[in-house]
Amino acid sequence: MKISDAILLISGSAVTISVLLSYFVHSHFQLLTLFIGINLVQSAYTKWCPLMSFLRNRGFTD
């Protein structure tokens, strides 16, 4: 799996989980959704995100 595919999978899953948690558990889980969104916007401009380094260390390829 490529890094870009893994980032989309992980961020999409994290957003879905945080929305469900904010609905069923506590509304403060919306902050996790906000953090993920800000990180995706930042990575669109810089072409780098912290998850990319983590995945490269785990053997994912570009």
PDB file of N, CA and C in Angstrom:
ATOM      1  N   MET A   1       0.843  -1.164   0.000  1.00  0.00           N
ATOM      2  CA  MET A   1       0.000   0.000   0.000  1.00  0.00           C
ATOM      3  C   MET A   1       0.896   1.237   0.000  1.00  0.00           C
ATOM      4  N   LYS A   2       0.528   2.227  -0.773  1.00  0.00           N
ATOM      5  CA  LYS A   2       1.282   3.469  -0.835  1.00  0.00           C
ATOM      6  C   LYS A   2       0.963   4.357   0.371  1.00  0.00           C
ATOM      7  N   ILE A   3       1.889   5.260   0.654  1.00  0.00           N
ATOM      8  CA  ILE A   3       1.716   6.163   1.793  1.00  0.00           C
ATOM      9  C   ILE A   3       0.456   7.005   1.629  1.00  0.00           C
ATOM     10  N   SER A   4       0.216   7.536   0.447  1.00  0.00           N
ATOM     11  CA  SER A   4      -0.957   8.398   0.243  1.00  0.00           C
ATOM     12  C   SER A   4      -2.254   7.635   0.491  1.00  0.00           C
ATOM     13  N   ASP A   5      -2.300   6.379   0.065  1.00  0.00           N
ATOM     14  CA  ASP A   5      -3.492   5.564   0.314  1.00  0.00           C
ATOM     15  C   ASP A   5      -3.666   5.290   1.809  1.00  0.00           C
ATOM     16  N   ALA A   6      -2.560   5.015   2.493  1.00  0.00           N
ATOM     17  CA  ALA A   6      -2.623   4.742   3.934  1.00  0.00           C
ATOM     18  C   ALA A   6      -3.056   5.985   4.709  1.00  0.00           C
ATOM     19  N   ILE A   7      -2.564   7.160   4.302  1.00  0.00           N
ATOM     20  CA  ILE A   7      -2.961   8.401   4.976  1.00  0.00           C
ATOM     21  C   ILE A   7      -4.451   8.646   4.797  1.00  0.00           C
ATOM     22  N   LEU A   8      -4.963   8.441   3.599  1.00  0.00           N
ATOM     23  CA  LEU A   8      -6.397   8.621   3.367  1.00  0.00           C
ATOM     24  C   LEU A   8      -7.215   7.629   4.185  1.00  0.00           C
ATOM     25  N   LEU A   9      -6.765   6.391   4.254  1.00  0.00           N
ATOM     26  CA  LEU A   9      -7.475   5.365   5.024  1.00  0.00           C
ATOM     27  C   LEU A   9      -7.480   5.694   6.515  1.00  0.00           C
ATOM     28  N   ILE A  10      -6.324   6.049   7.045  1.00  0.00           N
ATOM     29  CA  ILE A  10      -6.219   6.338   8.477  1.00  0.00           C
ATOM     30  C   ILE A  10      -6.980   7.603   8.841  1.00  0.00           C
ATOM     31  N   SER A  11      -6.826   8.665   8.056  1.00  0.00           N
ATOM     32  CA  SER A  11      -7.516   9.916   8.403  1.00  0.00           C
ATOM     33  C   SER A  11      -9.029   9.780   8.228  1.00  0.00           C
ATOM     34  N   GLY A  12      -9.466   9.097   7.204  1.00  0.00           N
ATOM     35  CA  GLY A  12     -10.904   8.872   7.034  1.00  0.00           C
ATOM     36  C   GLY A  12     -11.489   8.042   8.147  1.00  0.00           C
ATOM     37  N   SER A  13     -10.773   7.022   8.565  1.00  0.00           N
ATOM     38  CA  SER A  13     -11.231   6.195   9.688  1.00  0.00           C
ATOM     39  C   SER A  13     -11.254   6.991  10.988  1.00  0.00           C
ATOM     40  N   ALA A  14     -10.227   7.804  11.209  1.00  0.00           N
ATOM     41  CA  ALA A  14     -10.164   8.597  12.433  1.00  0.00           C
ATOM     42  C   ALA A  14     -11.278   9.637  12.486  1.00  0.00           C
ATOM     43  N   VAL A  15     -11.594  10.261  11.356  1.00  0.00           N
ATOM     44  CA  VAL A  15     -12.697  11.228  11.322  1.00  0.00           C
ATOM     45  C   VAL A  15     -14.022  10.525  11.600  1.00  0.00           C
ATOM     46  N   THR A  16     -14.238   9.385  10.977  1.00  0.00           N
ATOM     47  CA  THR A  16     -15.477   8.640  11.201  1.00  0.00           C
ATOM     48  C   THR A  16     -15.620   8.233  12.663  1.00  0.00           C
ATOM     49  N   ILE A  17     -14.554   7.715  13.241  1.00  0.00           N
ATOM     50  CA  ILE A  17     -14.593   7.295  14.648  1.00  0.00           C
ATOM     51  C   ILE A  17     -14.827   8.492  15.560  1.00  0.00           C
ATOM     52  N   SER A  18     -14.164   9.619  15.294  1.00  0.00           N
ATOM     53  CA  SER A  18     -14.333  10.777  16.172  1.00  0.00           C
ATOM     54  C   SER A  18     -15.733  11.370  16.064  1.00  0.00           C
ATOM     55  N   VAL A  19     -16.331  11.336  14.887  1.00  0.00           N
ATOM     56  CA  VAL A  19     -17.711  11.811  14.755  1.00  0.00           C
ATOM     57  C   VAL A  19     -18.661  10.900  15.530  1.00  0.00           C
ATOM     58  N   LEU A  20     -18.459   9.596  15.418  1.00  0.00           N
ATOM     59  CA  LEU A  20     -19.305   8.664  16.173  1.00  0.00           C
ATOM     60  C   LEU A  20     -19.110   8.841  17.683  1.00  0.00           C
ATOM     61  N   LEU A  21     -17.870   9.022  18.118  1.00  0.00           N
ATOM     62  CA  LEU A  21     -17.609   9.235  19.537  1.00  0.00           C
ATOM     63  C   LEU A  21     -18.227  10.544  20.030  1.00  0.00           C
ATOM     64  N   SER A  22     -18.170  11.578  19.206  1.00  0.00           N
ATOM     65  CA  SER A  22     -18.761  12.848  19.636  1.00  0.00           C
ATOM     66  C   SER A  22     -20.276  12.765  19.701  1.00  0.00           C
ATOM     67  N   TYR A  23     -20.871  11.920  18.897  1.00  0.00           N
ATOM     68  CA  TYR A  23     -22.326  11.766  18.922  1.00  0.00           C
ATOM     69  C   TYR A  23     -22.776  10.888  20.088  1.00  0.00           C
ATOM     70  N   PHE A  24     -22.067   9.781  20.310  1.00  0.00           N
ATOM     71  CA  PHE A  24     -22.505   8.810  21.307  1.00  0.00           C
ATOM     72  C   PHE A  24     -21.866   8.972  22.685  1.00  0.00           C
ATOM     73  N   VAL A  25     -20.671   9.575  22.771  1.00  0.00           N
ATOM     74  CA  VAL A  25     -19.960   9.621  24.044  1.00  0.00           C
ATOM     75  C   VAL A  25     -19.918  11.044  24.618  1.00  0.00           C
ATOM     76  N   HIS A  26     -19.184  11.924  23.924  1.00  0.00           N
ATOM     77  CA  HIS A  26     -19.044  13.292  24.429  1.00  0.00           C
ATOM     78  C   HIS A  26     -18.714  14.225  23.270  1.00  0.00           C
ATOM     79  N   SER A  27     -19.249  15.430  23.325  1.00  0.00           N
ATOM     80  CA  SER A  27     -19.077  16.369  22.212  1.00  0.00           C
ATOM     81  C   SER A  27     -17.637  16.869  22.055  1.00  0.00           C
ATOM     82  N   HIS A  28     -16.798  16.694  23.055  1.00  0.00           N
ATOM     83  CA  HIS A  28     -15.414  17.155  22.947  1.00  0.00           C
ATOM     84  C   HIS A  28     -14.595  16.336  21.943  1.00  0.00           C
ATOM     85  N   PHE A  29     -15.102  15.207  21.508  1.00  0.00           N
ATOM     86  CA  PHE A  29     -14.396  14.435  20.483  1.00  0.00           C
ATOM     87  C   PHE A  29     -14.402  15.148  19.137  1.00  0.00           C
ATOM     88  N   GLN A  30     -15.192  16.205  19.003  1.00  0.00           N
ATOM     89  CA  GLN A  30     -15.172  17.017  17.785  1.00  0.00           C
ATOM     90  C   GLN A  30     -13.825  17.716  17.618  1.00  0.00           C
ATOM     91  N   LEU A  31     -13.127  17.922  18.714  1.00  0.00           N
ATOM     92  CA  LEU A  31     -11.795  18.523  18.639  1.00  0.00           C
ATOM     93  C   LEU A  31     -10.821  17.621  17.887  1.00  0.00           C
ATOM     94  N   LEU A  32     -10.982  16.315  18.004  1.00  0.00           N
ATOM     95  CA  LEU A  32     -10.154  15.383  17.248  1.00  0.00           C
ATOM     96  C   LEU A  32     -10.429  15.531  15.756  1.00  0.00           C
ATOM     97  N   THR A  33     -11.697  15.671  15.387  1.00  0.00           N
ATOM     98  CA  THR A  33     -12.057  15.886  13.990  1.00  0.00           C
ATOM     99  C   THR A  33     -11.452  17.182  13.480  1.00  0.00           C
ATOM    100  N   LEU A  34     -11.506  18.235  14.290  1.00  0.00           N
ATOM    101  CA  LEU A  34     -10.916  19.520  13.921  1.00  0.00           C
ATOM    102  C   LEU A  34      -9.404  19.393  13.724  1.00  0.00           C
ATOM    103  N   PHE A  35      -8.731  18.690  14.630  1.00  0.00           N
ATOM    104  CA  PHE A  35      -7.287  18.494  14.521  1.00  0.00           C
ATOM    105  C   PHE A  35      -6.921  17.765  13.229  1.00  0.00           C
ATOM    106  N   ILE A  36      -7.667  16.742  12.884  1.00  0.00           N
ATOM    107  CA  ILE A  36      -7.389  15.989  11.663  1.00  0.00           C
ATOM    108  C   ILE A  36      -7.603  16.869  10.438  1.00  0.00           C
ATOM    109  N   GLY A  37      -8.665  17.655  10.448  1.00  0.00           N
ATOM    110  CA  GLY A  37      -8.931  18.557   9.324  1.00  0.00           C
ATOM    111  C   GLY A  37      -7.842  19.596   9.152  1.00  0.00           C
ATOM    112  N   ILE A  38      -7.394  20.194  10.248  1.00  0.00           N
ATOM    113  CA  ILE A  38      -6.318  21.187  10.177  1.00  0.00           C
ATOM    114  C   ILE A  38      -5.033  20.542   9.677  1.00  0.00           C
ATOM    115  N   ASN A  39      -4.749  19.331  10.120  1.00  0.00           N
ATOM    116  CA  ASN A  39      -3.554  18.625   9.680  1.00  0.00           C
ATOM    117  C   ASN A  39      -3.621  18.315   8.179  1.00  0.00           C
ATOM    118  N   LEU A  40      -4.790  17.961   7.671  1.00  0.00           N
ATOM    119  CA  LEU A  40      -4.922  17.689   6.241  1.00  0.00           C
ATOM    120  C   LEU A  40      -4.743  18.956   5.407  1.00  0.00           C
ATOM    121  N   VAL A  41      -5.269  20.083   5.887  1.00  0.00           N
ATOM    122  CA  VAL A  41      -5.079  21.354   5.182  1.00  0.00           C
ATOM    123  C   VAL A  41      -3.597  21.729   5.184  1.00  0.00           C
ATOM    124  N   GLN A  42      -2.948  21.591   6.341  1.00  0.00           N
ATOM    125  CA  GLN A  42      -1.521  21.900   6.436  1.00  0.00           C
ATOM    126  C   GLN A  42      -0.708  21.023   5.494  1.00  0.00           C
ATOM    127  N   SER A  43      -1.037  19.747   5.417  1.00  0.00           N
ATOM    128  CA  SER A  43      -0.275  18.839   4.553  1.00  0.00           C
ATOM    129  C   SER A  43      -0.522  19.125   3.074  1.00  0.00           C
ATOM    130  N   ALA A  44      -1.655  19.702   2.730  1.00  0.00           N
ATOM    131  CA  ALA A  44      -1.907  20.072   1.337  1.00  0.00           C
ATOM    132  C   ALA A  44      -0.971  21.191   0.892  1.00  0.00           C
ATOM    133  N   TYR A  45      -0.638  22.090   1.812  1.00  0.00           N
ATOM    134  CA  TYR A  45       0.253  23.197   1.473  1.00  0.00           C
ATOM    135  C   TYR A  45       1.727  22.824   1.570  1.00  0.00           C
ATOM    136  N   THR A  46       2.088  22.011   2.548  1.00  0.00           N
ATOM    137  CA  THR A  46       3.501  21.709   2.763  1.00  0.00           C
ATOM    138  C   THR A  46       3.941  20.397   2.128  1.00  0.00           C
ATOM    139  N   LYS A  47       2.984  19.570   1.702  1.00  0.00           N
ATOM    140  CA  LYS A  47       3.279  18.241   1.128  1.00  0.00           C
ATOM    141  C   LYS A  47       3.954  17.317   2.137  1.00  0.00           C
ATOM    142  N   TRP A  48       3.708  17.540   3.439  1.00  0.00           N
ATOM    143  CA  TRP A  48       4.257  16.713   4.500  1.00  0.00           C
ATOM    144  C   TRP A  48       3.291  16.687   5.668  1.00  0.00           C
ATOM    145  N   CYS A  49       3.176  15.536   6.293  1.00  0.00           N
ATOM    146  CA  CYS A  49       2.410  15.435   7.531  1.00  0.00           C
ATOM    147  C   CYS A  49       3.135  14.457   8.458  1.00  0.00           C
ATOM    148  N   PRO A  50       2.924  14.572   9.763  1.00  0.00           N
ATOM    149  CA  PRO A  50       3.643  13.706  10.708  1.00  0.00           C
ATOM    150  C   PRO A  50       3.384  12.215  10.467  1.00  0.00           C
ATOM    151  N   LEU A  51       2.194  11.879  10.012  1.00  0.00           N
ATOM    152  CA  LEU A  51       1.870  10.475   9.756  1.00  0.00           C
ATOM    153  C   LEU A  51       2.742   9.899   8.643  1.00  0.00           C
ATOM    154  N   MET A  52       3.165  10.754   7.704  1.00  0.00           N
ATOM    155  CA  MET A  52       4.000  10.302   6.599  1.00  0.00           C
ATOM    156  C   MET A  52       5.330   9.751   7.108  1.00  0.00           C
ATOM    157  N   SER A  53       5.949  10.442   8.047  1.00  0.00           N
ATOM    158  CA  SER A  53       7.224   9.966   8.614  1.00  0.00           C
ATOM    159  C   SER A  53       7.031   8.654   9.360  1.00  0.00           C
ATOM    160  N   PHE A  54       5.949   8.566  10.113  1.00  0.00           N
ATOM    161  CA  PHE A  54       5.644   7.348  10.854  1.00  0.00           C
ATOM    162  C   PHE A  54       5.471   6.165   9.900  1.00  0.00           C
ATOM    163  N   LEU A  55       4.732   6.363   8.809  1.00  0.00           N
ATOM    164  CA  LEU A  55       4.492   5.272   7.867  1.00  0.00           C
ATOM    165  C   LEU A  55       5.749   4.878   7.114  1.00  0.00           C
ATOM    166  N   ARG A  56       6.601   5.847   6.790  1.00  0.00           N
ATOM    167  CA  ARG A  56       7.875   5.515   6.120  1.00  0.00           C
ATOM    168  C   ARG A  56       8.748   4.645   7.022  1.00  0.00           C
ATOM    169  N   ASN A  57       8.749   4.942   8.320  1.00  0.00           N
ATOM    170  CA  ASN A  57       9.523   4.122   9.266  1.00  0.00           C
ATOM    171  C   ASN A  57       8.959   2.705   9.373  1.00  0.00           C
ATOM    172  N   ARG A  58       7.694   2.540   9.046  1.00  0.00           N
ATOM    173  CA  ARG A  58       7.051   1.222   9.112  1.00  0.00           C
ATOM    174  C   ARG A  58       7.133   0.461   7.801  1.00  0.00           C
ATOM    175  N   GLY A  59       7.788   1.043   6.774  1.00  0.00           N
ATOM    176  CA  GLY A  59       8.041   0.323   5.536  1.00  0.00           C
ATOM    177  C   GLY A  59       7.097   0.613   4.386  1.00  0.00           C
ATOM    178  N   PHE A  60       6.246   1.617   4.513  1.00  0.00           N
ATOM    179  CA  PHE A  60       5.384   1.987   3.398  1.00  0.00           C
ATOM    180  C   PHE A  60       6.195   2.734   2.360  1.00  0.00           C
ATOM    181  N   THR A  61       5.782   2.642   1.105  1.00  0.00           N
ATOM    182  CA  THR A  61       6.519   3.273   0.027  1.00  0.00           C
ATOM    183  C   THR A  61       5.734   4.438  -0.549  1.00  0.00           C
ATOM    184  N   ASP A  62       6.454   5.318  -1.232  1.00  0.00           N
ATOM    185  CA  ASP A  62       5.822   6.454  -1.906  1.00  0.00           C
ATOM    186  C   ASP A  62       5.191   5.937  -3.156  1.00  0.00           C
TER     187      ASP A  62
END
